[in-house]
Protein backbone atom coordinates (compact mmCIF):
# COMPACT_ATOMS: atom_id res chain seq x y z
CA MET A 1 3.37 5.88 22.11
CA ALA A 2 2.89 7.80 18.98
CA ARG A 3 4.52 6.66 15.75
CA VAL A 4 7.30 8.56 14.23
CA ALA A 5 7.20 9.79 10.64
CA ILE A 6 9.82 11.35 8.48
CA VAL A 7 8.62 13.44 5.53
CA THR A 8 11.51 14.26 3.04
CA GLY A 9 11.31 17.65 1.49
CA GLY A 10 8.76 18.22 4.28
CA THR A 11 8.86 21.84 4.90
CA ARG A 12 7.46 23.42 1.66
CA GLY A 13 4.86 22.64 -0.87
CA ILE A 14 3.35 19.22 -1.00
CA GLY A 15 5.90 18.06 1.70
CA GLU A 16 4.63 20.66 4.09
CA ALA A 17 1.01 19.68 3.47
CA ILE A 18 2.01 15.96 4.20
CA SER A 19 3.85 16.95 7.42
CA LEU A 20 0.85 18.89 8.69
CA ALA A 21 -1.52 15.99 7.77
CA LEU A 22 0.50 13.36 9.47
CA ASP A 23 0.95 15.70 12.70
CA LYS A 24 -2.86 16.05 12.76
CA MET A 25 -3.15 12.26 12.80
CA GLY A 26 -1.07 12.40 16.03
CA TYR A 27 2.18 11.06 14.63
CA LYS A 28 5.67 12.63 15.71
CA VAL A 29 6.76 14.14 12.42
CA ALA A 30 10.32 14.87 11.42
CA ALA A 31 10.28 17.25 8.30
CA ASN A 32 13.53 16.80 6.33
CA TYR A 33 14.92 19.56 4.18
CA ALA A 34 18.19 20.07 2.20
CA GLY A 35 19.09 23.64 1.97
CA ASN A 36 16.44 26.41 2.61
CA ASP A 37 17.15 27.29 6.18
CA GLU A 38 14.88 30.32 6.30
CA ALA A 39 11.87 28.31 4.97
CA ALA A 40 12.71 25.51 7.46
CA ARG A 41 12.86 28.07 10.28
CA LEU A 42 9.48 29.67 9.41
CA PHE A 43 7.93 26.32 9.03
CA HIS A 44 8.89 25.16 12.49
CA GLU A 45 7.80 28.52 14.01
CA ARG A 46 4.49 28.17 12.38
CA THR A 47 3.80 24.46 12.89
CA HIS A 48 6.07 23.38 15.90
CA ILE A 49 7.04 20.46 13.94
CA SER A 50 10.62 19.29 14.29
CA THR A 51 12.93 20.01 11.25
CA PHE A 52 16.00 18.03 10.19
CA LYS A 53 18.43 19.02 7.52
CA TRP A 54 20.31 16.51 5.31
CA ASP A 55 20.60 15.72 1.56
CA VAL A 56 18.41 12.77 0.81
CA GLY A 57 20.75 11.92 -2.23
CA ASP A 58 23.72 11.30 0.19
CA TYR A 59 23.37 7.69 1.56
CA ASP A 60 25.63 8.35 4.51
CA ALA A 61 23.81 11.56 5.40
CA CYS A 62 20.39 9.63 5.21
CA ILE A 63 21.79 6.99 7.70
CA GLU A 64 23.12 9.72 10.13
CA GLY A 65 19.77 11.72 9.77
CA VAL A 66 17.56 8.83 10.48
CA LYS A 67 19.75 8.08 13.59
CA GLN A 68 19.19 11.65 14.91
CA VAL A 69 15.51 11.43 14.28
CA GLU A 70 15.41 8.19 16.25
CA GLN A 71 17.31 9.78 19.09
CA ASP A 72 15.35 12.79 19.24
CA LEU A 73 11.89 11.37 18.50
CA GLY A 74 12.01 7.48 18.69
CA PRO A 75 12.01 4.64 16.15
CA VAL A 76 10.88 5.61 12.63
CA ASP A 77 7.62 3.80 11.59
CA ILE A 78 6.81 5.78 8.66
CA VAL A 79 8.76 7.39 5.62
CA VAL A 80 7.32 9.61 2.88
CA ASN A 81 9.82 9.99 0.24
CA ASN A 82 8.76 13.35 -1.12
CA ALA A 83 11.94 15.21 -1.79
CA GLY A 84 12.47 16.02 -5.46
CA ILE A 85 14.09 18.44 -8.02
CA THR A 86 13.64 19.41 -11.58
CA ARG A 87 16.49 20.14 -14.14
CA ASP A 88 14.44 20.32 -17.15
CA GLY A 89 15.69 20.30 -20.83
CA THR A 90 15.53 18.39 -24.01
CA ILE A 91 18.21 15.70 -24.37
CA MET A 92 20.00 17.88 -26.72
CA LYS A 93 20.42 20.46 -23.95
CA LEU A 94 20.49 18.16 -20.98
CA THR A 95 23.86 17.68 -19.48
CA ALA A 96 25.25 14.79 -17.55
CA GLU A 97 25.29 16.70 -14.39
CA MET A 98 21.48 17.64 -14.90
CA TRP A 99 20.68 13.84 -15.57
CA ASN A 100 22.81 12.64 -12.58
CA GLU A 101 21.43 15.17 -9.91
CA VAL A 102 17.86 14.31 -10.59
CA ILE A 103 18.41 10.69 -10.53
CA ARG A 104 20.47 11.00 -7.42
CA ILE A 105 17.99 12.84 -5.42
CA ASN A 106 14.59 11.73 -6.69
CA LEU A 107 15.10 8.20 -7.18
CA GLY A 108 18.44 7.56 -5.04
CA GLY A 109 16.82 9.40 -2.09
CA CYS A 110 13.94 6.72 -2.18
CA PHE A 111 16.57 4.03 -1.77
CA ASN A 112 18.70 5.77 0.84
CA MET A 113 15.83 6.60 3.12
CA SER A 114 14.16 3.21 2.60
CA LYS A 115 17.46 1.41 3.35
CA ALA A 116 18.01 3.52 6.42
CA VAL A 117 14.67 2.48 7.98
CA PHE A 118 13.76 -0.95 6.60
CA ALA A 119 15.69 -3.12 9.00
CA GLY A 120 14.07 -1.42 12.13
CA MET A 121 10.59 -1.73 10.52
CA ARG A 122 11.17 -5.36 9.73
CA GLU A 123 12.26 -5.89 13.42
CA ARG A 124 9.18 -4.22 14.86
CA LYS A 125 6.86 -5.89 12.10
CA TRP A 126 5.18 -2.52 11.08
CA GLY A 127 6.04 0.20 8.65
CA ARG A 128 4.75 2.52 6.16
CA ILE A 129 6.78 3.71 3.12
CA VAL A 130 5.10 6.20 0.62
CA ASN A 131 6.94 7.25 -2.26
CA ILE A 132 5.91 10.34 -4.39
CA GLY A 133 5.90 9.63 -7.89
CA SER A 134 4.47 11.78 -10.73
CA ILE A 135 1.94 11.74 -13.72
CA ASN A 136 5.16 12.42 -15.59
CA GLY A 137 6.64 9.13 -14.59
CA GLN A 138 3.56 7.40 -15.87
CA ALA A 139 2.98 9.39 -19.12
CA GLY A 140 6.30 11.01 -19.87
CA GLN A 141 6.71 14.55 -20.52
CA TYR A 142 8.67 16.51 -23.18
CA GLY A 143 11.95 18.09 -21.88
CA GLN A 144 11.90 15.90 -18.78
CA VAL A 145 13.59 12.66 -19.65
CA ASN A 146 15.60 12.71 -16.26
CA TYR A 147 12.62 13.54 -14.18
CA ALA A 148 10.23 11.11 -15.86
CA ALA A 149 12.85 8.41 -15.66
CA ALA A 150 13.41 9.02 -12.01
CA LYS A 151 9.50 9.04 -11.31
CA SER A 152 8.89 6.11 -13.26
CA GLY A 153 11.87 4.43 -11.43
CA ILE A 154 10.08 5.20 -8.21
CA HIS A 155 6.95 3.27 -9.33
CA GLY A 156 8.92 0.14 -10.00
CA PHE A 157 10.93 0.54 -6.95
CA THR A 158 7.72 0.69 -5.00
CA LYS A 159 6.39 -2.66 -6.42
CA ALA A 160 9.65 -4.49 -5.83
CA LEU A 161 10.08 -3.22 -2.38
CA ALA A 162 6.42 -4.07 -1.35
CA GLN A 163 7.15 -7.80 -2.06
CA GLU A 164 9.99 -7.54 0.41
CA GLY A 165 8.16 -5.84 3.06
CA ALA A 166 4.93 -7.47 3.09
CA ARG A 167 5.52 -10.43 5.26
CA TYR A 168 6.97 -8.18 7.90
CA GLY A 169 3.94 -5.91 8.11
CA ILE A 170 5.69 -3.11 6.05
CA THR A 171 3.63 -1.58 3.17
CA VAL A 172 5.19 0.31 0.39
CA ASN A 173 2.92 2.48 -1.95
CA ALA A 174 3.36 5.32 -4.31
CA ILE A 175 1.36 8.45 -5.11
CA ALA A 176 1.53 9.91 -8.54
CA PRO A 177 0.47 13.58 -8.40
CA GLY A 178 -0.81 15.38 -11.30
CA TYR A 179 -0.18 19.09 -11.58
CA ILE A 180 -0.34 20.49 -8.17
CA ASP A 181 -0.69 24.33 -7.32
CA THR A 182 2.84 24.57 -5.88
CA ASP A 183 5.93 26.81 -6.23
CA MET A 184 7.31 24.31 -8.78
CA VAL A 185 4.23 24.55 -10.97
CA ALA A 186 3.96 28.41 -10.54
CA ALA A 187 7.25 28.70 -12.07
CA VAL A 188 5.81 27.27 -15.38
CA PRO A 189 5.03 30.13 -17.98
CA ALA A 190 1.41 31.27 -17.74
CA ASP A 191 0.64 30.23 -21.42
CA VAL A 192 1.94 26.85 -20.97
CA LEU A 193 0.23 26.47 -17.60
CA GLU A 194 -3.07 27.39 -19.14
CA LYS A 195 -2.69 24.61 -21.66
CA ILE A 196 -1.80 22.16 -18.96
CA VAL A 197 -5.03 23.00 -17.03
CA ALA A 198 -6.98 22.66 -20.28
CA ARG A 199 -6.06 18.94 -20.39
CA VAL A 200 -7.23 18.24 -16.83
CA PRO A 201 -10.76 16.85 -16.95
CA VAL A 202 -11.70 18.50 -13.64
CA GLY A 203 -10.57 21.87 -14.94
CA ARG A 204 -8.12 22.90 -12.36
CA LEU A 205 -4.83 22.30 -10.67
CA GLY A 206 -4.69 19.98 -7.55
CA GLN A 207 -4.03 21.26 -4.12
CA ALA A 208 -1.22 19.95 -1.91
CA GLU A 209 -3.73 19.04 0.68
CA GLU A 210 -5.32 16.46 -1.75
CA ILE A 211 -2.07 14.70 -1.91
CA ALA A 212 -1.57 14.79 1.69
CA ARG A 213 -4.95 13.18 2.35
CA GLY A 214 -3.89 10.26 0.13
CA VAL A 215 -0.59 9.93 2.02
CA SER A 216 -2.55 10.03 5.32
CA PHE A 217 -4.60 7.08 4.30
CA LEU A 218 -1.63 5.02 3.15
CA CYS A 219 0.17 5.64 6.34
CA SER A 220 -2.78 4.66 8.56
CA GLU A 221 -3.65 1.38 10.18
CA ASP A 222 -6.59 1.16 7.85
CA ALA A 223 -4.18 0.65 4.90
CA GLY A 224 -2.62 -2.60 6.13
CA PHE A 225 -4.00 -4.57 3.10
CA VAL A 226 -2.73 -1.96 0.53
CA THR A 227 0.82 -2.36 -0.72
CA GLY A 228 2.62 -2.13 -4.09
CA SER A 229 0.06 0.30 -5.41
CA THR A 230 0.29 3.56 -7.20
CA LEU A 231 -2.51 6.04 -6.33
CA SER A 232 -3.05 8.58 -9.09
CA ILE A 233 -4.35 11.85 -7.90
CA ASN A 234 -4.28 13.94 -11.16
CA GLY A 235 -7.89 15.21 -11.82
CA GLY A 236 -8.33 12.65 -14.44
CA GLN A 237 -5.44 13.77 -16.64
CA HIS A 238 -3.97 10.39 -17.17
CA MET A 239 -5.99 7.03 -16.45
CA TYR A 240 -4.65 3.59 -16.82
C-alpha cells in the first residue's frame, strides 16, 4: 500500500515541486494550501494530486485537516512542513502583528502538523518529517528578524523532535534552501537580486526541483539512518 504524504504549502513554488517529486516516487500526496483557491484548482487539474485547504497556523484546523486526509487517502506517513510567509521590515518598522503572523505560520505550523501526525507514526513505527528552514535562519538577514527567528527555530525544533522520534522509526530532518527561483524571490527588486546572486558561489539561483530532490531522499526508505540533520541547499552561499 502506497505511503501517504502531506506537503504544506504544496500547490505552488517549492511546495509544488515537492508534491510532484513525492507523487513521482509513488506516494499518495495531499497538497495543503491556505488561501489561493484558483492556484490550487489549476494545480489539481494539471497534476491530479489531491488538494486540501487549511491554515497550518491554526492547531485545530491541522488536527481536522489530517483527519480528512487520512479519511480520504489513508494514514499519514510523511509530512513536509513547507508552508511559510514573509512580512519583512526592520525592527523599527516591524509590528507585533507582522512578528506574530510569521511565527504562527512558519514555526507554529511545524508544531501543529507534527503534533497531528506523530502519535500515528509512533504507533506504526515509521515516519518521515521534513521541515523547510532557510539560509536566513542560519545566517540571518537584514529586515527579517521575524522570518529568521522562525526558520532558526525550525532548525532547533528538528533536532529536538528527532530525538523523540528515533526509537520509533520516525526521522525528523530539515532542509535549508538558499535563494530559489520562486515567486517569493521574484518579488525582490532586480538590483537587490543581482547582488544576492553575486554572493552565490555557483553563480545562479537554485531551482525548486533541486530542493524537491533533497526532500525526496529524506522521505525515502534509504534515509532511515539520517535524522536530526539540516541539509543546506544554497549553492555554497553559506557553509558551516
